[in-house]
């Protein structure tokens, strides 16, 4: 994830040959009312996708759930990207807080690691790496 120049939040999809993003969701536990979710689905089901701006579906995608309207507060959120390479599932997941997103400076992105999330260079994250394309 990264912050745009105007403060919006964008999810970057790392380059992976033949990777099709099929679904995307972000959700938060909403206290006593349960989960709040913003989810979209790829109607075309094929083709590369480099980024998803939160709360703005890419062309050809449809919103499937919209109980989450923004990312703010002190609690954590979970972002899921579901996709496939030649029919094999390759998914991504990132747990983050709004504070982590607000702290991002230009050229830095928030990426998943074993401990939750870490800062990385945008250039390093966007380099082609065939190992990340495996299930």
C-alpha atoms as a PDB file:
ATOM      1  CA  UNK A   1       0.000   0.000   0.000  1.00  0.00           C
ATOM      2  CA  UNK A   2       1.081   3.553  -0.585  1.00  0.00           C
ATOM      3  CA  UNK A   3      -0.251   7.063  -0.143  1.00  0.00           C
ATOM      4  CA  UNK A   4      -0.805   9.129  -3.235  1.00  0.00           C
ATOM      5  CA  UNK A   5       0.324  12.741  -3.514  1.00  0.00           C
ATOM      6  CA  UNK A   6      -3.166  13.907  -2.539  1.00  0.00           C
ATOM      7  CA  UNK A   7      -3.372  11.583   0.497  1.00  0.00           C
ATOM      8  CA  UNK A   8      -5.498   8.775  -0.938  1.00  0.00           C
ATOM      9  CA  UNK A   9      -4.539   5.137  -0.353  1.00  0.00           C
ATOM     10  CA  UNK A  10      -3.553   2.867  -3.224  1.00  0.00           C
ATOM     11  CA  UNK A  11      -2.842  -0.858  -3.235  1.00  0.00           C
ATOM     12  CA  UNK A  12      -0.002  -1.790  -5.582  1.00  0.00           C
ATOM     13  CA  UNK A  13      -0.013  -5.164  -7.303  1.00  0.00           C
ATOM     14  CA  UNK A  14       3.577  -6.375  -7.698  1.00  0.00           C
ATOM     15  CA  UNK A  15       4.486  -7.426 -11.249  1.00  0.00           C
ATOM     16  CA  UNK A  16       3.872 -11.127 -11.819  1.00  0.00           C
ATOM     17  CA  UNK A  17       3.639 -12.574 -15.352  1.00  0.00           C
ATOM     18  CA  UNK A  18       0.189 -13.986 -16.153  1.00  0.00           C
ATOM     19  CA  UNK A  19      -1.259 -12.904 -12.783  1.00  0.00           C
ATOM     20  CA  UNK A  20      -4.983 -12.141 -12.884  1.00  0.00           C
ATOM     21  CA  UNK A  21      -6.506 -10.291  -9.933  1.00  0.00           C
ATOM     22  CA  UNK A  22     -10.012 -11.674  -9.436  1.00  0.00           C
ATOM     23  CA  UNK A  23     -11.253 -10.114  -6.195  1.00  0.00           C
ATOM     24  CA  UNK A  24     -10.193  -7.482  -3.703  1.00  0.00           C
ATOM     25  CA  UNK A  25     -11.505  -6.704  -0.230  1.00  0.00           C
ATOM     26  CA  UNK A  26     -10.668  -4.640   2.791  1.00  0.00           C
ATOM     27  CA  UNK A  27     -12.416  -5.137   6.091  1.00  0.00           C
ATOM     28  CA  UNK A  28     -12.457  -3.984   9.679  1.00  0.00           C
ATOM     29  CA  UNK A  29     -14.065  -5.314  12.798  1.00  0.00           C
ATOM     30  CA  UNK A  30     -16.776  -2.768  13.548  1.00  0.00           C
ATOM     31  CA  UNK A  31     -17.212  -3.345  17.271  1.00  0.00           C
ATOM     32  CA  UNK A  32     -20.616  -4.736  18.196  1.00  0.00           C
ATOM     33  CA  UNK A  33     -21.966  -4.395  14.647  1.00  0.00           C
ATOM     34  CA  UNK A  34     -19.563  -6.916  13.092  1.00  0.00           C
ATOM     35  CA  UNK A  35     -17.290  -6.518  10.097  1.00  0.00           C
ATOM     36  CA  UNK A  36     -17.416  -3.564   7.765  1.00  0.00           C
ATOM     37  CA  UNK A  37     -16.263  -4.423   4.246  1.00  0.00           C
ATOM     38  CA  UNK A  38     -15.458  -2.837   0.904  1.00  0.00           C
ATOM     39  CA  UNK A  39     -15.165  -5.563  -1.715  1.00  0.00           C
ATOM     40  CA  UNK A  40     -14.896  -5.567  -5.493  1.00  0.00           C
ATOM     41  CA  UNK A  41     -14.880  -8.265  -8.138  1.00  0.00           C
ATOM     42  CA  UNK A  42     -13.303  -8.370 -11.584  1.00  0.00           C
ATOM     43  CA  UNK A  43     -16.097  -8.832 -14.122  1.00  0.00           C
ATOM     44  CA  UNK A  44     -13.656  -9.463 -16.985  1.00  0.00           C
ATOM     45  CA  UNK A  45     -11.741 -12.137 -14.988  1.00  0.00           C
ATOM     46  CA  UNK A  46      -8.609 -11.647 -17.147  1.00  0.00           C
ATOM     47  CA  UNK A  47      -5.803  -9.199 -17.615  1.00  0.00           C
ATOM     48  CA  UNK A  48      -3.152  -7.489 -15.525  1.00  0.00           C
ATOM     49  CA  UNK A  49      -3.942  -4.907 -12.897  1.00  0.00           C
ATOM     50  CA  UNK A  50      -1.212  -2.721 -11.417  1.00  0.00           C
ATOM     51  CA  UNK A  51      -3.082  -0.888  -8.661  1.00  0.00           C
ATOM     52  CA  UNK A  52      -6.369  -0.419  -6.855  1.00  0.00           C
ATOM     53  CA  UNK A  53      -7.293   2.871  -5.243  1.00  0.00           C
ATOM     54  CA  UNK A  54      -9.320   2.250  -2.091  1.00  0.00           C
ATOM     55  CA  UNK A  55     -13.040   2.932  -2.471  1.00  0.00           C
ATOM     56  CA  UNK A  56     -12.777   3.511  -6.229  1.00  0.00           C
ATOM     57  CA  UNK A  57     -13.230   0.338  -8.317  1.00  0.00           C
ATOM     58  CA  UNK A  58     -11.085  -0.025 -11.441  1.00  0.00           C
ATOM     59  CA  UNK A  59     -12.816   0.072 -14.818  1.00  0.00           C
ATOM     60  CA  UNK A  60     -14.588  -3.227 -15.477  1.00  0.00           C
ATOM     61  CA  UNK A  61     -14.877  -4.096 -11.769  1.00  0.00           C
ATOM     62  CA  UNK A  62     -18.042  -4.065  -9.681  1.00  0.00           C
ATOM     63  CA  UNK A  63     -18.557  -3.309  -6.004  1.00  0.00           C
ATOM     64  CA  UNK A  64     -19.909  -6.401  -4.225  1.00  0.00           C
ATOM     65  CA  UNK A  65     -20.053  -4.995  -0.685  1.00  0.00           C
ATOM     66  CA  UNK A  66     -19.807  -1.439   0.587  1.00  0.00           C
ATOM     67  CA  UNK A  67     -20.302  -1.231   4.342  1.00  0.00           C
ATOM     68  CA  UNK A  68     -16.796   0.246   4.804  1.00  0.00           C
ATOM     69  CA  UNK A  69     -16.421   3.816   3.515  1.00  0.00           C
ATOM     70  CA  UNK A  70     -12.980   4.885   4.757  1.00  0.00           C
ATOM     71  CA  UNK A  71      -9.874   3.800   6.645  1.00  0.00           C
ATOM     72  CA  UNK A  72      -9.448   5.702   9.890  1.00  0.00           C
ATOM     73  CA  UNK A  73      -9.470   5.197  13.630  1.00  0.00           C
ATOM     74  CA  UNK A  74      -7.232   3.231  15.947  1.00  0.00           C
ATOM     75  CA  UNK A  75      -8.169  -0.317  14.962  1.00  0.00           C
ATOM     76  CA  UNK A  76      -6.557  -2.502  12.311  1.00  0.00           C
ATOM     77  CA  UNK A  77      -7.772  -3.383   8.842  1.00  0.00           C
ATOM     78  CA  UNK A  78      -7.146  -6.425   6.675  1.00  0.00           C
ATOM     79  CA  UNK A  79      -6.700  -6.159   2.919  1.00  0.00           C
ATOM     80  CA  UNK A  80      -7.001  -9.245   0.670  1.00  0.00           C
ATOM     81  CA  UNK A  81      -6.124  -9.624  -2.992  1.00  0.00           C
ATOM     82  CA  UNK A  82      -7.301 -12.895  -4.545  1.00  0.00           C
ATOM     83  CA  UNK A  83      -5.840 -13.903  -7.881  1.00  0.00           C
ATOM     84  CA  UNK A  84      -4.387 -16.670  -9.964  1.00  0.00           C
ATOM     85  CA  UNK A  85      -1.482 -17.542 -12.247  1.00  0.00           C
ATOM     86  CA  UNK A  86      -2.443 -20.115 -14.886  1.00  0.00           C
ATOM     87  CA  UNK A  87      -5.330 -21.290 -12.705  1.00  0.00           C
ATOM     88  CA  UNK A  88      -3.338 -21.620  -9.464  1.00  0.00           C
ATOM     89  CA  UNK A  89      -4.341 -19.343  -6.607  1.00  0.00           C
ATOM     90  CA  UNK A  90      -1.833 -16.658  -5.605  1.00  0.00           C
ATOM     91  CA  UNK A  91      -3.290 -14.382  -2.949  1.00  0.00           C
ATOM     92  CA  UNK A  92      -2.012 -11.469  -0.905  1.00  0.00           C
ATOM     93  CA  UNK A  93      -2.961 -10.254   2.560  1.00  0.00           C
ATOM     94  CA  UNK A  94      -1.907  -7.213   4.556  1.00  0.00           C
ATOM     95  CA  UNK A  95      -2.958  -6.252   8.079  1.00  0.00           C
ATOM     96  CA  UNK A  96      -2.379  -2.564   8.814  1.00  0.00           C
ATOM     97  CA  UNK A  97      -3.491   0.429  10.844  1.00  0.00           C
ATOM     98  CA  UNK A  98      -4.364   3.904   9.562  1.00  0.00           C
ATOM     99  CA  UNK A  99      -1.395   5.234  11.542  1.00  0.00           C
ATOM    100  CA  UNK A 100       0.966   3.083   9.440  1.00  0.00           C
ATOM    101  CA  UNK A 101      -0.559   4.447   6.219  1.00  0.00           C
ATOM    102  CA  UNK A 102      -0.409   8.068   7.449  1.00  0.00           C
ATOM    103  CA  UNK A 103       3.293   7.639   8.255  1.00  0.00           C
ATOM    104  CA  UNK A 104       4.213   6.635   4.687  1.00  0.00           C
ATOM    105  CA  UNK A 105       6.507   9.069   2.922  1.00  0.00           C
ATOM    106  CA  UNK A 106       6.908   9.380  -0.868  1.00  0.00           C
ATOM    107  CA  UNK A 107       8.663   6.349  -2.356  1.00  0.00           C
ATOM    108  CA  UNK A 108       7.775   4.102   0.603  1.00  0.00           C
ATOM    109  CA  UNK A 109       5.161   1.356   0.673  1.00  0.00           C
ATOM    110  CA  UNK A 110       3.695  -0.854   3.357  1.00  0.00           C
ATOM    111  CA  UNK A 111       4.129  -4.563   2.597  1.00  0.00           C
ATOM    112  CA  UNK A 112       3.229  -7.778   4.384  1.00  0.00           C
ATOM    113  CA  UNK A 113       5.792  -9.751   6.333  1.00  0.00           C
ATOM    114  CA  UNK A 114       5.698 -12.463   8.993  1.00  0.00           C
ATOM    115  CA  UNK A 115       5.149  -9.896  11.751  1.00  0.00           C
ATOM    116  CA  UNK A 116       2.272  -8.094  10.001  1.00  0.00           C
ATOM    117  CA  UNK A 117       3.583  -5.190   7.932  1.00  0.00           C
ATOM    118  CA  UNK A 118       6.847  -3.400   7.240  1.00  0.00           C
ATOM    119  CA  UNK A 119       8.089  -0.406   5.263  1.00  0.00           C
ATOM    120  CA  UNK A 120       9.807  -0.995   1.948  1.00  0.00           C
ATOM    121  CA  UNK A 121      11.067   0.982  -0.992  1.00  0.00           C
ATOM    122  CA  UNK A 122       8.457   1.294  -3.769  1.00  0.00           C
ATOM    123  CA  UNK A 123      11.162   0.651  -6.370  1.00  0.00           C
ATOM    124  CA  UNK A 124      12.259  -2.580  -4.661  1.00  0.00           C
ATOM    125  CA  UNK A 125       8.680  -3.796  -4.244  1.00  0.00           C
ATOM    126  CA  UNK A 126       7.833  -3.193  -7.901  1.00  0.00           C
ATOM    127  CA  UNK A 127      10.878  -5.097  -9.251  1.00  0.00           C
ATOM    128  CA  UNK A 128       9.989  -8.286 -11.075  1.00  0.00           C
ATOM    129  CA  UNK A 129      10.480 -11.361  -8.890  1.00  0.00           C
ATOM    130  CA  UNK A 130       9.270 -14.711 -10.299  1.00  0.00           C
ATOM    131  CA  UNK A 131       9.429 -16.337  -6.836  1.00  0.00           C
ATOM    132  CA  UNK A 132       6.547 -14.197  -5.559  1.00  0.00           C
ATOM    133  CA  UNK A 133       4.353 -15.556  -8.373  1.00  0.00           C
ATOM    134  CA  UNK A 134       4.288 -19.070  -6.964  1.00  0.00           C
ATOM    135  CA  UNK A 135       1.577 -20.488  -4.767  1.00  0.00           C
END
